[in-house]
Protein backbone atom coordinates (compact mmCIF):
# COMPACT_ATOMS: atom_id res chain seq x y z
CA MET A 1 59.65 29.45 23.34
CA LYS A 2 57.20 32.27 23.28
CA LEU A 3 59.49 35.34 24.48
CA LEU A 4 62.21 34.10 21.84
CA ARG A 5 59.78 34.56 19.04
CA LEU A 6 58.66 37.94 20.24
CA TYR A 7 62.35 39.00 20.44
CA ASP A 8 62.76 37.76 16.74
CA ILE A 9 59.85 39.74 15.85
CA LEU A 10 60.48 42.88 17.80
CA ALA A 11 64.10 42.75 16.88
CA GLN A 12 64.45 45.93 14.97
CA GLU A 13 62.29 47.91 17.11
CA LEU A 14 64.20 46.76 20.34
CA GLU A 15 67.59 47.63 18.68
CA ASN A 16 66.06 51.27 18.05
CA VAL A 17 65.08 51.37 21.90
CA ARG A 18 68.70 50.23 22.64
CA GLU A 19 70.06 53.05 20.39
CA VAL A 20 68.19 55.69 22.16
CA PHE A 21 68.94 54.26 25.60
CA ALA A 22 72.58 54.34 24.92
CA ALA A 23 72.37 58.07 23.38
CA GLU A 24 70.92 59.48 26.43
CA LEU A 25 73.51 57.60 29.06
CA LEU A 26 76.41 58.49 26.80
CA ASP A 27 78.86 60.42 29.08
CA ASP A 28 82.66 61.37 28.34
CA ASP A 29 83.46 60.96 31.88
CA ALA A 30 85.48 57.68 32.57
CA VAL A 31 84.00 56.78 35.98
CA MET A 32 80.56 57.17 34.35
CA ALA A 33 81.20 55.39 31.15
CA ASP A 34 82.47 52.41 33.28
CA LEU A 35 79.37 52.43 35.37
CA VAL A 36 77.05 52.59 32.23
CA GLU A 37 79.15 49.86 30.36
CA HIS A 38 78.19 47.57 33.57
CA LEU A 39 74.63 48.56 33.66
CA GLY A 40 74.20 47.07 30.10
CA LYS A 41 74.79 43.82 31.68
CA PHE A 42 71.56 44.37 33.86
CA ARG A 43 69.58 44.46 30.76
CA GLY A 44 67.33 41.30 30.95
CA LYS A 45 64.02 40.47 29.29
CA MET A 46 63.26 43.82 28.09
CA LEU A 47 59.55 43.37 29.31
CA ARG A 48 58.36 46.81 29.48
CA PRO A 49 60.09 48.12 26.26
CA MET A 50 58.30 45.24 24.59
CA LEU A 51 54.89 46.00 25.96
CA VAL A 52 55.39 49.71 24.81
CA LEU A 53 56.01 48.37 21.27
CA LEU A 54 53.43 45.60 21.31
CA THR A 55 50.73 48.13 22.57
CA GLY A 56 51.81 50.69 19.98
CA LYS A 57 51.21 48.14 17.52
CA ALA A 58 47.81 47.38 18.96
CA GLY A 59 47.02 51.04 18.68
CA GLY A 60 47.75 50.87 14.77
CA ARG A 61 51.53 52.20 14.60
CA ILE A 62 55.03 52.61 15.75
CA LEU A 63 56.52 56.40 15.97
CA ARG A 64 59.58 57.59 17.07
CA ASP A 65 58.03 58.44 20.47
CA HIS A 66 57.65 54.55 21.38
CA TYR A 67 61.35 54.31 21.20
CA ILE A 68 61.72 57.10 23.61
CA LEU A 69 59.03 55.74 26.11
CA ALA A 70 60.27 52.28 25.76
CA ALA A 71 63.92 53.45 26.65
CA VAL A 72 62.49 55.75 29.68
CA ALA A 73 60.49 52.67 30.94
CA GLU A 74 63.72 50.70 30.77
CA MET A 75 65.77 53.27 32.71
CA VAL A 76 63.42 53.75 35.52
CA HIS A 77 63.23 49.81 35.83
CA MET A 78 66.98 49.78 35.82
CA ALA A 79 67.28 52.51 38.40
CA SER A 80 64.71 50.66 40.47
CA LEU A 81 66.78 47.24 40.27
CA VAL A 82 70.00 49.12 41.34
CA HIS A 83 68.17 50.53 44.41
CA ASP A 84 66.72 47.01 45.12
CA ASP A 85 70.02 45.51 45.17
CA VAL A 86 70.84 47.95 48.07
CA LEU A 87 67.78 47.18 49.79
CA ASP A 88 68.18 43.42 49.70
CA GLU A 89 71.90 43.27 49.88
CA ALA A 90 71.98 41.22 46.57
CA GLU A 91 75.31 40.22 45.43
CA ILE A 92 74.58 38.95 41.95
CA ARG A 93 72.48 40.59 39.19
CA ARG A 94 72.35 39.02 35.49
CA ARG A 95 75.15 36.81 36.42
CA GLY A 96 77.43 39.27 37.33
CA SER A 97 78.32 41.60 40.43
CA THR A 98 75.93 44.18 41.60
CA ILE A 99 76.92 47.91 41.35
CA ASN A 100 76.89 47.91 45.34
CA VAL A 101 79.03 45.03 45.46
CA LEU A 102 81.42 46.43 42.97
CA HIS A 103 81.33 50.34 44.08
CA GLY A 104 79.45 50.61 47.53
CA ASN A 105 75.86 51.34 48.40
CA GLU A 106 76.40 55.09 48.23
CA ALA A 107 77.60 54.71 44.68
CA ALA A 108 74.63 52.31 43.75
CA VAL A 109 72.14 54.83 45.17
CA MET A 110 73.46 57.83 43.48
CA LEU A 111 73.79 55.86 40.16
CA GLY A 112 69.97 54.99 40.43
CA ASP A 113 69.15 58.37 41.16
CA TRP A 114 71.07 59.40 37.90
CA LEU A 115 69.22 56.95 35.77
CA ILE A 116 65.91 58.21 36.92
CA SER A 117 67.24 61.94 36.24
CA ARG A 118 68.12 60.91 32.71
CA ALA A 119 65.04 58.83 32.12
CA PHE A 120 62.99 62.15 32.84
CA HIS A 121 65.21 64.52 30.65
CA LEU A 122 64.57 62.25 27.71
CA CYS A 123 61.01 61.76 28.57
CA ALA A 124 60.87 65.66 28.61
CA SER A 125 61.73 65.76 24.93
CA LEU A 126 58.40 64.50 23.81
CA GLU A 127 56.33 67.38 22.28
CA SER A 128 53.49 66.27 24.87
CA GLN A 129 54.16 66.24 28.42
CA THR A 130 51.13 63.85 28.99
CA ALA A 131 53.81 60.80 28.95
CA THR A 132 56.07 62.76 31.49
CA ARG A 133 53.43 63.14 33.92
CA LEU A 134 52.13 59.88 33.89
CA MET A 135 55.71 58.29 34.24
CA ALA A 136 56.62 60.63 37.12
CA ALA A 137 53.15 59.55 38.96
CA THR A 138 54.02 56.07 38.13
CA ALA A 139 57.61 56.29 39.40
CA ALA A 140 56.12 57.66 42.65
CA THR A 141 53.78 54.78 42.87
CA VAL A 142 56.61 52.22 42.65
CA CYS A 143 58.29 54.20 45.52
CA ARG A 144 55.22 53.88 47.76
CA GLY A 145 55.08 50.09 46.98
CA GLU A 146 58.63 49.50 48.03
CA LEU A 147 58.16 51.89 51.04
CA LEU A 148 54.90 49.55 51.99
CA GLN A 149 56.97 46.51 51.68
CA LEU A 150 59.79 47.73 53.99
CA TYR A 151 57.13 48.87 56.38
CA TYR A 152 56.03 45.23 56.61
CA ARG A 153 59.24 43.55 56.49
CA GLY A 154 59.32 41.08 59.24
CA PHE A 155 55.27 40.99 59.33
CA PHE A 156 54.34 37.66 59.19
CA GLU A 157 50.96 37.99 59.41
CA LEU A 158 50.52 39.92 56.09
CA SER A 159 47.10 39.52 54.33
CA GLU A 160 46.76 38.80 50.78
CA GLU A 161 45.17 41.99 50.23
CA THR A 162 48.06 44.12 51.45
CA TYR A 163 50.39 41.89 49.63
CA PHE A 164 48.41 42.54 46.27
CA LYS A 165 48.53 46.44 47.00
CA ILE A 166 52.41 45.97 47.44
CA ILE A 167 52.85 44.33 44.08
CA ASP A 168 50.48 46.39 42.34
CA ARG A 169 52.31 49.31 43.21
CA LYS A 170 55.83 48.42 42.79
CA THR A 171 55.78 46.27 39.91
CA ALA A 172 52.30 46.23 38.13
CA ALA A 173 52.03 50.03 38.00
CA MET A 174 54.72 50.69 35.77
CA ILE A 175 53.87 47.46 33.53
CA ALA A 176 50.17 49.04 33.20
CA SER A 177 51.58 52.38 32.35
CA CYS A 178 53.94 51.18 29.71
CA CYS A 179 50.92 49.51 27.95
CA TYR A 180 48.66 52.73 28.25
CA LEU A 181 51.46 54.74 26.87
CA GLY A 182 52.03 52.64 24.00
CA ALA A 183 48.72 52.68 22.94
CA TRP A 184 48.34 56.48 23.77
CA ALA A 185 51.11 57.17 21.56
CA ALA A 186 49.91 55.52 18.64
CA GLY A 187 46.90 57.65 18.82
CA ALA A 188 44.45 54.84 20.08
CA GLU A 189 40.90 55.65 21.45
CA ASP A 190 40.95 55.91 25.26
CA THR A 191 38.72 52.56 25.61
CA THR A 192 41.53 50.91 23.80
CA CYS A 193 44.21 52.64 25.94
CA ARG A 194 42.37 51.76 29.26
CA ALA A 195 41.96 48.12 28.14
CA LEU A 196 45.57 47.65 27.60
CA GLU A 197 46.55 49.53 30.63
CA ALA A 198 44.25 46.96 32.78
CA TYR A 199 45.91 44.08 30.63
CA GLY A 200 49.19 45.52 31.82
CA ARG A 201 48.34 45.51 35.25
CA GLN A 202 47.07 42.08 35.51
CA THR A 203 50.22 40.96 33.72
CA GLY A 204 52.16 42.88 36.08
CA MET A 205 50.71 41.15 39.08
CA ALA A 206 51.43 37.77 37.47
CA PHE A 207 54.81 38.76 36.84
CA GLN A 208 55.63 39.67 40.48
CA ILE A 209 54.05 36.56 41.88
CA MET A 210 56.15 34.53 39.37
CA ASP A 211 59.32 36.62 40.58
CA ASP A 212 58.64 35.96 44.05
CA LEU A 213 58.20 32.25 43.41
CA LEU A 214 61.43 32.33 41.54
CA ASP A 215 63.17 33.72 44.49
CA LEU A 216 62.24 30.69 46.45
CA THR A 217 62.81 27.88 44.09
CA GLY A 218 65.05 29.28 41.42
CA GLN A 219 68.90 28.32 40.98
CA ILE A 220 71.34 31.20 40.75
CA HIS A 221 73.01 29.82 37.67
CA THR A 222 69.60 30.05 35.97
CA ALA A 223 67.95 33.00 37.55
CA GLY A 224 71.26 35.13 37.24
CA LYS A 225 70.71 37.04 40.45
CA SER A 226 70.79 36.32 44.11
CA LEU A 227 68.11 34.25 45.40
CA ARG A 228 66.19 33.75 48.75
CA ARG A 229 66.58 37.39 49.42
CA ASP A 230 62.88 37.72 50.14
CA LEU A 231 62.97 35.26 53.07
CA ALA A 232 66.57 36.60 54.39
CA GLN A 233 64.88 39.98 54.46
CA GLY A 234 61.59 39.01 56.01
CA LYS A 235 59.30 39.76 53.23
CA THR A 236 55.95 37.56 53.12
CA THR A 237 55.25 36.92 49.74
CA LEU A 238 52.13 35.04 48.60
CA PRO A 239 53.48 31.34 49.17
CA LEU A 240 54.30 32.27 52.78
CA ILE A 241 50.85 34.04 53.41
CA HIS A 242 49.25 30.67 52.06
CA TYR A 243 51.45 28.79 54.27
CA PHE A 244 50.90 30.65 57.36
CA ARG A 245 47.00 30.40 56.95
CA GLN A 246 47.08 26.84 57.48
CA ALA A 247 50.29 26.29 59.72
CA THR A 248 50.27 25.64 63.47
CA HIS A 249 51.24 28.36 65.71
CA GLN A 250 54.63 26.09 66.59
CA GLN A 251 55.24 25.79 62.83
CA ILE A 252 55.00 29.55 62.20
CA GLN A 253 57.24 30.27 65.57
CA ALA A 254 59.72 27.91 64.14
CA ILE A 255 60.16 29.91 60.80
CA LYS A 256 60.36 33.28 62.62
CA VAL A 257 63.03 31.81 65.02
CA ALA A 258 65.15 30.23 62.05
CA LEU A 259 65.21 32.93 59.32
CA PRO A 260 67.38 35.56 61.23
CA SER A 261 70.41 33.17 61.25
CA ALA A 262 69.39 30.77 58.52
CA ASP A 263 71.57 29.42 55.90
CA ASP A 264 70.97 27.43 52.70
CA GLY A 265 69.94 24.05 54.51
CA ILE A 266 67.34 26.09 56.56
CA PHE A 267 65.96 27.90 53.32
CA ASP A 268 65.74 24.56 51.75
CA ASP A 269 63.59 23.27 54.44
CA ILE A 270 61.35 26.10 54.59
CA VAL A 271 60.80 25.78 50.90
CA GLU A 272 59.88 22.35 51.18
CA GLN A 273 57.50 22.97 53.87
CA LEU A 274 56.00 25.45 51.39
CA ARG A 275 56.15 22.85 48.44
CA SER A 276 54.43 20.12 50.70
CA ALA A 277 51.67 22.44 51.92
CA GLY A 278 50.66 23.47 48.46
CA SER A 279 51.84 26.86 48.85
CA LEU A 280 54.03 27.21 45.64
CA ASP A 281 51.17 25.69 43.71
CA TYR A 282 48.69 28.24 45.25
CA ALA A 283 50.67 31.01 44.10
CA ARG A 284 51.27 29.80 40.83
CA ARG A 285 47.75 29.30 40.32
CA ARG A 286 47.01 33.03 41.41
CA ALA A 287 49.45 34.13 38.79
CA GLU A 288 47.73 32.07 36.15
CA MET A 289 44.37 33.66 37.16
CA PHE A 290 45.77 37.17 36.63
CA ILE A 291 47.00 36.14 32.99
CA GLN A 292 43.53 34.69 32.31
CA THR A 293 42.05 38.16 33.27
CA ALA A 294 44.71 39.73 31.10
CA HIS A 295 43.38 37.86 27.98
CA GLU A 296 39.99 39.26 28.67
CA TYR A 297 41.13 42.91 28.33
CA LEU A 298 42.34 42.51 24.81
CA ASP A 299 38.86 42.17 23.48
CA VAL A 300 39.15 45.72 21.87
CA PRO A 301 39.78 46.71 18.24
CA MET A 302 43.26 45.58 17.00
CA GLU A 303 44.75 43.42 14.26
CA GLU A 304 44.43 39.72 15.19
CA ASP A 305 48.20 38.74 15.06
CA ILE A 306 48.84 41.64 17.54
CA ARG A 307 46.29 40.36 19.90
CA LEU A 308 48.04 36.85 19.69
CA LEU A 309 51.36 38.11 20.41
CA LEU A 310 50.03 39.86 23.60
CA ILE A 311 48.52 36.90 24.59
CA ASP A 312 51.95 35.07 24.12
CA LEU A 313 53.56 37.66 26.12
CA ALA A 314 51.31 37.30 29.01
CA ASP A 315 51.38 33.60 28.81
CA ALA A 316 55.31 33.50 28.81
CA ILE A 317 55.12 34.75 32.24
CA VAL A 318 53.66 31.79 33.81
CA SER A 319 55.23 29.19 31.57
CA GLU A 320 58.86 30.15 31.11
């Protein structure tokens, strides 16, 4: 398992990130402390902190700033998860109840906002404000991606071009910024920073495609979160786009009519149609293509063992 190996290699650095994260969210109010404790259960793959750390190593060194940037990235990401669960009416996250289920949508929205405010408070502690400006711009881009996806909810004629624009903004942009900032904080040359940023963007595109596939084909007990939410919310992801390109008018209409009141059985039928049409395989192939392109951007000066770790991390997205 490539990810497990990466966790082992980065164990101490990731622990340092967790310490920075916990210190920033420390609160002596009992209500906030309870919410923060529950948030700790949301921490999953730690992909974004790992990328900050690995690209820092690619740039030649890990500094205290890397732990701060990694914690900031994870806070912003966690805030987006809390908000997403409200938008998607999700009930399960990391095998536990979501904040919106436990405390209501209002509390979840405010908690997400609080996380973002703490993230930028932490980021502002850095001597240079370059990272704060980039993270702020990236957070705005993520919001633009989410708003674009909301605008096209229920629009089954969505093009691949628009889908890729959505996932570039809502997912890939943040992962790209993590990679740029990791190299930048290490003092790497601008060409290296930009190459690693591009590596992150390609990796992020693949990550979101695979996450969309997981929503269709995963099992709650292994995925650890609510599934089939994209279908239920009328979000047209890449497998559906591919399917609708070849489906008959009657097949498309049947799905449109079925979705508003669909149950697990209907969802299973739709996924089987996507599987039979080769749409699930098509989406996976596109994700693999993004990963192959990500590999190409690693052709910049860095230690070979770090290059291999970055390759392993990208490969794990489509293989684990």
